[in-house]
Amino acid sequence: MRFTHDAELDEPGDGPQMKAAIAWCRKAKIPVYRPSPTQLKFENLNFFPTTGTLHYDNQRKLDLRGLAGLQTLLERIWGSKLPPID
């Protein structure tokens, strides 16, 4: 299953972590897609909101965790501040 459109990010039964991650990505205009029910992906960066795990394709998980970790990582990559997490 691969979701590619913004409307397809939401699924019935999403937990609070997934809902918060999707809402923040929309607010921050991060072009994520959802390759599985438990995963959000931006380019080669994978984020699993329920566990907080972040990792690049074919690499070990990063020390940064959770939505705050995703925010920190993307701010480092882009060199600019992103909207706060609600």
PDB file of N, CA and C in Angstrom:
ATOM      1  N   MET A   1       0.851  -1.162   0.000  1.00  0.00           N
ATOM      2  CA  MET A   1       0.000   0.000   0.000  1.00  0.00           C
ATOM      3  C   MET A   1       0.901   1.231   0.000  1.00  0.00           C
ATOM      4  N   ARG A   2       0.630   2.151  -0.892  1.00  0.00           N
ATOM      5  CA  ARG A   2       1.397   3.398  -0.932  1.00  0.00           C
ATOM      6  C   ARG A   2       0.424   4.541  -1.117  1.00  0.00           C
ATOM      7  N   PHE A   3       0.408   5.428  -0.150  1.00  0.00           N
ATOM      8  CA  PHE A   3      -0.451   6.599  -0.214  1.00  0.00           C
ATOM      9  C   PHE A   3       0.390   7.755  -0.727  1.00  0.00           C
ATOM     10  N   THR A   4      -0.114   8.460  -1.701  1.00  0.00           N
ATOM     11  CA  THR A   4       0.687   9.538  -2.272  1.00  0.00           C
ATOM     12  C   THR A   4       0.029  10.899  -2.174  1.00  0.00           C
ATOM     13  N   HIS A   5      -1.257  10.958  -1.932  1.00  0.00           N
ATOM     14  CA  HIS A   5      -1.948  12.243  -1.873  1.00  0.00           C
ATOM     15  C   HIS A   5      -2.231  12.617  -0.430  1.00  0.00           C
ATOM     16  N   ASP A   6      -2.277  13.915  -0.170  1.00  0.00           N
ATOM     17  CA  ASP A   6      -2.494  14.421   1.178  1.00  0.00           C
ATOM     18  C   ASP A   6      -3.721  13.789   1.827  1.00  0.00           C
ATOM     19  N   ALA A   7      -4.820  13.700   1.096  1.00  0.00           N
ATOM     20  CA  ALA A   7      -6.048  13.140   1.660  1.00  0.00           C
ATOM     21  C   ALA A   7      -5.869  11.680   2.045  1.00  0.00           C
ATOM     22  N   GLU A   8      -4.941  10.994   1.402  1.00  0.00           N
ATOM     23  CA  GLU A   8      -4.723   9.579   1.673  1.00  0.00           C
ATOM     24  C   GLU A   8      -3.827   9.327   2.883  1.00  0.00           C
ATOM     25  N   LEU A   9      -3.353  10.372   3.518  1.00  0.00           N
ATOM     26  CA  LEU A   9      -2.539  10.180   4.711  1.00  0.00           C
ATOM     27  C   LEU A   9      -3.382   9.683   5.880  1.00  0.00           C
ATOM     28  N   ASP A  10      -4.626  10.124   5.954  1.00  0.00           N
ATOM     29  CA  ASP A  10      -5.498   9.764   7.073  1.00  0.00           C
ATOM     30  C   ASP A  10      -6.148   8.409   6.844  1.00  0.00           C
ATOM     31  N   GLU A  11      -6.161   7.601   7.897  1.00  0.00           N
ATOM     32  CA  GLU A  11      -6.824   6.298   7.852  1.00  0.00           C
ATOM     33  C   GLU A  11      -7.728   6.171   9.063  1.00  0.00           C
ATOM     34  N   PRO A  12      -8.871   5.524   8.891  1.00  0.00           N
ATOM     35  CA  PRO A  12      -9.704   5.252  10.066  1.00  0.00           C
ATOM     36  C   PRO A  12      -8.900   4.428  11.072  1.00  0.00           C
ATOM     37  N   GLY A  13      -9.044   4.753  12.309  1.00  0.00           N
ATOM     38  CA  GLY A  13      -8.342   4.002  13.341  1.00  0.00           C
ATOM     39  C   GLY A  13      -6.945   4.494  13.650  1.00  0.00           C
ATOM     40  N   ASP A  14      -6.507   5.593  13.025  1.00  0.00           N
ATOM     41  CA  ASP A  14      -5.194   6.149  13.355  1.00  0.00           C
ATOM     42  C   ASP A  14      -5.151   6.535  14.830  1.00  0.00           C
ATOM     43  N   GLY A  15      -4.034   6.232  15.459  1.00  0.00           N
ATOM     44  CA  GLY A  15      -3.841   6.595  16.853  1.00  0.00           C
ATOM     45  C   GLY A  15      -3.423   8.048  16.998  1.00  0.00           C
ATOM     46  N   PRO A  16      -3.343   8.528  18.232  1.00  0.00           N
ATOM     47  CA  PRO A  16      -3.012   9.937  18.465  1.00  0.00           C
ATOM     48  C   PRO A  16      -1.638  10.350  17.940  1.00  0.00           C
ATOM     49  N   GLN A  17      -0.651   9.464  18.008  1.00  0.00           N
ATOM     50  CA  GLN A  17       0.686   9.822  17.516  1.00  0.00           C
ATOM     51  C   GLN A  17       0.677  10.017  16.006  1.00  0.00           C
ATOM     52  N   MET A  18       0.000   9.139  15.281  1.00  0.00           N
ATOM     53  CA  MET A  18      -0.071   9.262  13.823  1.00  0.00           C
ATOM     54  C   MET A  18      -0.856  10.512  13.439  1.00  0.00           C
ATOM     55  N   LYS A  19      -1.972  10.759  14.114  1.00  0.00           N
ATOM     56  CA  LYS A  19      -2.774  11.951  13.817  1.00  0.00           C
ATOM     57  C   LYS A  19      -1.966  13.223  14.053  1.00  0.00           C
ATOM     58  N   ALA A  20      -1.232  13.265  15.161  1.00  0.00           N
ATOM     59  CA  ALA A  20      -0.415  14.443  15.471  1.00  0.00           C
ATOM     60  C   ALA A  20       0.698  14.622  14.441  1.00  0.00           C
ATOM     61  N   ALA A  21       1.327  13.534  14.036  1.00  0.00           N
ATOM     62  CA  ALA A  21       2.408  13.609  13.048  1.00  0.00           C
ATOM     63  C   ALA A  21       1.887  14.108  11.704  1.00  0.00           C
ATOM     64  N   ILE A  22       0.755  13.593  11.270  1.00  0.00           N
ATOM     65  CA  ILE A  22       0.172  14.027  10.000  1.00  0.00           C
ATOM     66  C   ILE A  22      -0.220  15.496  10.075  1.00  0.00           C
ATOM     67  N   ALA A  23      -0.852  15.888  11.168  1.00  0.00           N
ATOM     68  CA  ALA A  23      -1.270  17.290  11.328  1.00  0.00           C
ATOM     69  C   ALA A  23      -0.061  18.220  11.293  1.00  0.00           C
ATOM     70  N   TRP A  24       1.018  17.844  11.975  1.00  0.00           N
ATOM     71  CA  TRP A  24       2.198  18.705  11.991  1.00  0.00           C
ATOM     72  C   TRP A  24       2.866  18.758  10.619  1.00  0.00           C
ATOM     73  N   CYS A  25       2.955  17.625   9.932  1.00  0.00           N
ATOM     74  CA  CYS A  25       3.549  17.614   8.591  1.00  0.00           C
ATOM     75  C   CYS A  25       2.758  18.500   7.636  1.00  0.00           C
ATOM     76  N   ARG A  26       1.445  18.470   7.747  1.00  0.00           N
ATOM     77  CA  ARG A  26       0.622  19.357   6.914  1.00  0.00           C
ATOM     78  C   ARG A  26       0.897  20.820   7.259  1.00  0.00           C
ATOM     79  N   LYS A  27       0.926  21.119   8.549  1.00  0.00           N
ATOM     80  CA  LYS A  27       1.170  22.491   9.004  1.00  0.00           C
ATOM     81  C   LYS A  27       2.541  22.987   8.530  1.00  0.00           C
ATOM     82  N   ALA A  28       3.533  22.118   8.584  1.00  0.00           N
ATOM     83  CA  ALA A  28       4.899  22.477   8.190  1.00  0.00           C
ATOM     84  C   ALA A  28       5.136  22.337   6.686  1.00  0.00           C
ATOM     85  N   LYS A  29       4.103  21.859   5.966  1.00  0.00           N
ATOM     86  CA  LYS A  29       4.189  21.675   4.512  1.00  0.00           C
ATOM     87  C   LYS A  29       5.308  20.704   4.121  1.00  0.00           C
ATOM     88  N   ILE A  30       5.426  19.641   4.896  1.00  0.00           N
ATOM     89  CA  ILE A  30       6.406  18.603   4.614  1.00  0.00           C
ATOM     90  C   ILE A  30       5.752  17.577   3.691  1.00  0.00           C
ATOM     91  N   PRO A  31       6.323  17.338   2.525  1.00  0.00           N
ATOM     92  CA  PRO A  31       5.708  16.433   1.552  1.00  0.00           C
ATOM     93  C   PRO A  31       5.951  14.953   1.885  1.00  0.00           C
ATOM     94  N   VAL A  32       5.235  14.475   2.874  1.00  0.00           N
ATOM     95  CA  VAL A  32       5.370  13.076   3.270  1.00  0.00           C
ATOM     96  C   VAL A  32       4.372  12.212   2.512  1.00  0.00           C
ATOM     97  N   TYR A  33       4.665  10.943   2.471  1.00  0.00           N
ATOM     98  CA  TYR A  33       3.679   9.974   2.011  1.00  0.00           C
ATOM     99  C   TYR A  33       3.666   8.825   3.008  1.00  0.00           C
ATOM    100  N   ARG A  34       2.715   7.939   2.841  1.00  0.00           N
ATOM    101  CA  ARG A  34       2.496   6.880   3.817  1.00  0.00           C
ATOM    102  C   ARG A  34       2.587   5.515   3.138  1.00  0.00           C
ATOM    103  N   PRO A  35       3.765   4.906   3.155  1.00  0.00           N
ATOM    104  CA  PRO A  35       3.935   3.617   2.489  1.00  0.00           C
ATOM    105  C   PRO A  35       3.306   2.444   3.234  1.00  0.00           C
ATOM    106  N   SER A  36       3.000   2.641   4.503  1.00  0.00           N
ATOM    107  CA  SER A  36       2.341   1.591   5.282  1.00  0.00           C
ATOM    108  C   SER A  36       1.467   2.258   6.343  1.00  0.00           C
ATOM    109  N   PRO A  37       0.576   1.515   6.973  1.00  0.00           N
ATOM    110  CA  PRO A  37      -0.297   2.117   7.983  1.00  0.00           C
ATOM    111  C   PRO A  37       0.438   2.693   9.191  1.00  0.00           C
ATOM    112  N   THR A  38       1.676   2.257   9.425  1.00  0.00           N
ATOM    113  CA  THR A  38       2.404   2.709  10.614  1.00  0.00           C
ATOM    114  C   THR A  38       3.550   3.666  10.309  1.00  0.00           C
ATOM    115  N   GLN A  39       3.724   4.040   9.052  1.00  0.00           N
ATOM    116  CA  GLN A  39       4.923   4.759   8.622  1.00  0.00           C
ATOM    117  C   GLN A  39       4.585   5.999   7.809  1.00  0.00           C
ATOM    118  N   LEU A  40       5.365   7.058   8.045  1.00  0.00           N
ATOM    119  CA  LEU A  40       5.386   8.235   7.181  1.00  0.00           C
ATOM    120  C   LEU A  40       6.785   8.307   6.584  1.00  0.00           C
ATOM    121  N   LYS A  41       6.872   8.791   5.359  1.00  0.00           N
ATOM    122  CA  LYS A  41       8.169   8.821   4.677  1.00  0.00           C
ATOM    123  C   LYS A  41       8.338  10.157   3.967  1.00  0.00           C
ATOM    124  N   PHE A  42       9.536  10.713   4.076  1.00  0.00           N
ATOM    125  CA  PHE A  42       9.939  11.926   3.378  1.00  0.00           C
ATOM    126  C   PHE A  42      11.256  11.611   2.689  1.00  0.00           C
ATOM    127  N   GLU A  43      11.232  11.584   1.367  1.00  0.00           N
ATOM    128  CA  GLU A  43      12.406  11.180   0.585  1.00  0.00           C
ATOM    129  C   GLU A  43      12.910   9.838   1.107  1.00  0.00           C
ATOM    130  N   ASN A  44      14.139   9.771   1.639  1.00  0.00           N
ATOM    131  CA  ASN A  44      14.648   8.495   2.141  1.00  0.00           C
ATOM    132  C   ASN A  44      14.614   8.398   3.670  1.00  0.00           C
ATOM    133  N   LEU A  45      13.868   9.301   4.305  1.00  0.00           N
ATOM    134  CA  LEU A  45      13.733   9.315   5.758  1.00  0.00           C
ATOM    135  C   LEU A  45      12.411   8.663   6.154  1.00  0.00           C
ATOM    136  N   ASN A  46      12.480   7.702   7.047  1.00  0.00           N
ATOM    137  CA  ASN A  46      11.311   6.967   7.515  1.00  0.00           C
ATOM    138  C   ASN A  46      10.994   7.367   8.948  1.00  0.00           C
ATOM    139  N   PHE A  47       9.711   7.564   9.233  1.00  0.00           N
ATOM    140  CA  PHE A  47       9.269   7.922  10.578  1.00  0.00           C
ATOM    141  C   PHE A  47       8.085   7.044  10.954  1.00  0.00           C
ATOM    142  N   PHE A  48       8.179   6.446  12.122  1.00  0.00           N
ATOM    143  CA  PHE A  48       7.119   5.602  12.659  1.00  0.00           C
ATOM    144  C   PHE A  48       6.566   6.294  13.904  1.00  0.00           C
ATOM    145  N   PRO A  49       5.474   7.041  13.764  1.00  0.00           N
ATOM    146  CA  PRO A  49       4.974   7.854  14.872  1.00  0.00           C
ATOM    147  C   PRO A  49       4.660   7.091  16.157  1.00  0.00           C
ATOM    148  N   THR A  50       4.137   5.888  16.055  1.00  0.00           N
ATOM    149  CA  THR A  50       3.746   5.161  17.264  1.00  0.00           C
ATOM    150  C   THR A  50       4.951   4.798  18.123  1.00  0.00           C
ATOM    151  N   THR A  51       6.037   4.390  17.496  1.00  0.00           N
ATOM    152  CA  THR A  51       7.248   4.032  18.248  1.00  0.00           C
ATOM    153  C   THR A  51       8.219   5.200  18.359  1.00  0.00           C
ATOM    154  N   GLY A  52       8.045   6.207  17.504  1.00  0.00           N
ATOM    155  CA  GLY A  52       8.941   7.357  17.495  1.00  0.00           C
ATOM    156  C   GLY A  52      10.229   7.129  16.732  1.00  0.00           C
ATOM    157  N   THR A  53      10.361   5.987  16.091  1.00  0.00           N
ATOM    158  CA  THR A  53      11.596   5.623  15.404  1.00  0.00           C
ATOM    159  C   THR A  53      11.789   6.426  14.119  1.00  0.00           C
ATOM    160  N   LEU A  54      13.017   6.872  13.921  1.00  0.00           N
ATOM    161  CA  LEU A  54      13.445   7.558  12.700  1.00  0.00           C
ATOM    162  C   LEU A  54      14.638   6.804  12.129  1.00  0.00           C
ATOM    163  N   HIS A  55      14.642   6.587  10.831  1.00  0.00           N
ATOM    164  CA  HIS A  55      15.831   6.024  10.191  1.00  0.00           C
ATOM    165  C   HIS A  55      15.797   6.317   8.699  1.00  0.00           C
ATOM    166  N   TYR A  56      16.988   6.362   8.125  1.00  0.00           N
ATOM    167  CA  TYR A  56      17.125   6.498   6.681  1.00  0.00           C
ATOM    168  C   TYR A  56      17.054   5.107   6.066  1.00  0.00           C
ATOM    169  N   ASP A  57      16.654   5.030   4.812  1.00  0.00           N
ATOM    170  CA  ASP A  57      16.570   3.744   4.121  1.00  0.00           C
ATOM    171  C   ASP A  57      17.858   2.947   4.310  1.00  0.00           C
ATOM    172  N   ASN A  58      17.701   1.681   4.656  1.00  0.00           N
ATOM    173  CA  ASN A  58      18.808   0.732   4.781  1.00  0.00           C
ATOM    174  C   ASN A  58      19.871   1.147   5.790  1.00  0.00           C
ATOM    175  N   GLN A  59      19.475   1.917   6.807  1.00  0.00           N
ATOM    176  CA  GLN A  59      20.410   2.314   7.861  1.00  0.00           C
ATOM    177  C   GLN A  59      19.784   2.042   9.224  1.00  0.00           C
ATOM    178  N   ARG A  60      20.615   2.110  10.240  1.00  0.00           N
ATOM    179  CA  ARG A  60      20.141   1.919  11.613  1.00  0.00           C
ATOM    180  C   ARG A  60      19.246   3.074  12.029  1.00  0.00           C
ATOM    181  N   LYS A  61      18.448   2.817  13.063  1.00  0.00           N
ATOM    182  CA  LYS A  61      17.598   3.890  13.556  1.00  0.00           C
ATOM    183  C   LYS A  61      18.463   4.984  14.179  1.00  0.00           C
ATOM    184  N   LEU A  62      17.948   6.197  14.103  1.00  0.00           N
ATOM    185  CA  LEU A  62      18.662   7.357  14.623  1.00  0.00           C
ATOM    186  C   LEU A  62      18.427   7.499  16.122  1.00  0.00           C
ATOM    187  N   ASP A  63      19.313   8.243  16.781  1.00  0.00           N
ATOM    188  CA  ASP A  63      19.133   8.514  18.205  1.00  0.00           C
ATOM    189  C   ASP A  63      17.961   9.460  18.450  1.00  0.00           C
ATOM    190  N   LEU A  64      17.694  10.355  17.498  1.00  0.00           N
ATOM    191  CA  LEU A  64      16.543  11.243  17.625  1.00  0.00           C
ATOM    192  C   LEU A  64      15.276  10.405  17.577  1.00  0.00           C
ATOM    193  N   ARG A  65      14.274  10.790  18.377  1.00  0.00           N
ATOM    194  CA  ARG A  65      13.048  10.001  18.422  1.00  0.00           C
ATOM    195  C   ARG A  65      11.836  10.914  18.482  1.00  0.00           C
ATOM    196  N   GLY A  66      10.724  10.368  18.037  1.00  0.00           N
ATOM    197  CA  GLY A  66       9.444  11.050  18.149  1.00  0.00           C
ATOM    198  C   GLY A  66       9.287  12.198  17.171  1.00  0.00           C
ATOM    199  N   LEU A  67       8.145  12.845  17.288  1.00  0.00           N
ATOM    200  CA  LEU A  67       7.839  13.967  16.409  1.00  0.00           C
ATOM    201  C   LEU A  67       8.812  15.121  16.631  1.00  0.00           C
ATOM    202  N   ALA A  68       9.209  15.342  17.869  1.00  0.00           N
ATOM    203  CA  ALA A  68      10.206  16.386  18.147  1.00  0.00           C
ATOM    204  C   ALA A  68      11.540  16.048  17.480  1.00  0.00           C
ATOM    205  N   GLY A  69      11.889  14.776  17.447  1.00  0.00           N
ATOM    206  CA  GLY A  69      13.107  14.350  16.755  1.00  0.00           C
ATOM    207  C   GLY A  69      13.023  14.589  15.261  1.00  0.00           C
ATOM    208  N   LEU A  70      11.852  14.300  14.682  1.00  0.00           N
ATOM    209  CA  LEU A  70      11.646  14.570  13.255  1.00  0.00           C
ATOM    210  C   LEU A  70      11.785  16.058  12.975  1.00  0.00           C
ATOM    211  N   GLN A  71      11.191  16.873  13.818  1.00  0.00           N
ATOM    212  CA  GLN A  71      11.282  18.325  13.652  1.00  0.00           C
ATOM    213  C   GLN A  71      12.741  18.780  13.721  1.00  0.00           C
ATOM    214  N   THR A  72      13.460  18.327  14.716  1.00  0.00           N
ATOM    215  CA  THR A  72      14.867  18.700  14.877  1.00  0.00           C
ATOM    216  C   THR A  72      15.691  18.289  13.661  1.00  0.00           C
ATOM    217  N   LEU A  73      15.497  17.075  13.200  1.00  0.00           N
ATOM    218  CA  LEU A  73      16.248  16.571  12.051  1.00  0.00           C
ATOM    219  C   LEU A  73      15.964  17.384  10.795  1.00  0.00           C
ATOM    220  N   LEU A  74      14.693  17.654  10.517  1.00  0.00           N
ATOM    221  CA  LEU A  74      14.348  18.427   9.320  1.00  0.00           C
ATOM    222  C   LEU A  74      14.837  19.868   9.418  1.00  0.00           C
ATOM    223  N   GLU A  75      14.825  20.439  10.607  1.00  0.00           N
ATOM    224  CA  GLU A  75      15.371  21.793  10.771  1.00  0.00           C
ATOM    225  C   GLU A  75      16.873  21.806  10.491  1.00  0.00           C
ATOM    226  N   ARG A  76      17.578  20.770  10.899  1.00  0.00           N
ATOM    227  CA  ARG A  76      19.016  20.671  10.604  1.00  0.00           C
ATOM    228  C   ARG A  76      19.246  20.538   9.099  1.00  0.00           C
ATOM    229  N   ILE A  77      18.455  19.685   8.462  1.00  0.00           N
ATOM    230  CA  ILE A  77      18.609  19.452   7.026  1.00  0.00           C
ATOM    231  C   ILE A  77      18.326  20.723   6.240  1.00  0.00           C
ATOM    232  N   TRP A  78      17.224  21.388   6.561  1.00  0.00           N
ATOM    233  CA  TRP A  78      16.787  22.563   5.803  1.00  0.00           C
ATOM    234  C   TRP A  78      17.415  23.861   6.284  1.00  0.00           C
ATOM    235  N   GLY A  79      17.998  23.850   7.474  1.00  0.00           N
ATOM    236  CA  GLY A  79      18.629  25.053   7.990  1.00  0.00           C
ATOM    237  C   GLY A  79      17.652  26.158   8.339  1.00  0.00           C
ATOM    238  N   SER A  80      16.422  25.795   8.665  1.00  0.00           N
ATOM    239  CA  SER A  80      15.431  26.802   9.052  1.00  0.00           C
ATOM    240  C   SER A  80      14.462  26.210  10.063  1.00  0.00           C
ATOM    241  N   LYS A  81      13.828  27.099  10.811  1.00  0.00           N
ATOM    242  CA  LYS A  81      12.859  26.685  11.822  1.00  0.00           C
ATOM    243  C   LYS A  81      11.571  26.236  11.161  1.00  0.00           C
ATOM    244  N   LEU A  82      10.945  25.240  11.752  1.00  0.00           N
ATOM    245  CA  LEU A  82       9.649  24.748  11.313  1.00  0.00           C
ATOM    246  C   LEU A  82       8.607  25.126  12.364  1.00  0.00           C
ATOM    247  N   PRO A  83       7.336  25.065  12.018  1.00  0.00           N
ATOM    248  CA  PRO A  83       6.303  25.431  12.993  1.00  0.00           C
ATOM    249  C   PRO A  83       6.388  24.571  14.254  1.00  0.00           C
ATOM    250  N   PRO A  84       5.955  25.126  15.375  1.00  0.00           N
ATOM    251  CA  PRO A  84       5.963  24.339  16.611  1.00  0.00           C
ATOM    252  C   PRO A  84       4.987  23.169  16.521  1.00  0.00           C
ATOM    253  N   ILE A  85       5.260  22.168  17.309  1.00  0.00           N
ATOM    254  CA  ILE A  85       4.365  21.011  17.405  1.00  0.00           C
ATOM    255  C   ILE A  85       3.279  21.369  18.405  1.00  0.00           C
ATOM    256  N   ASP A  86       2.042  21.146  18.018  1.00  0.00           N
ATOM    257  CA  ASP A  86       0.921  21.464  18.926  1.00  0.00           C
ATOM    258  C   ASP A  86       0.798  20.439  20.025  1.00  0.00           C
TER     259      ASP A  86
END
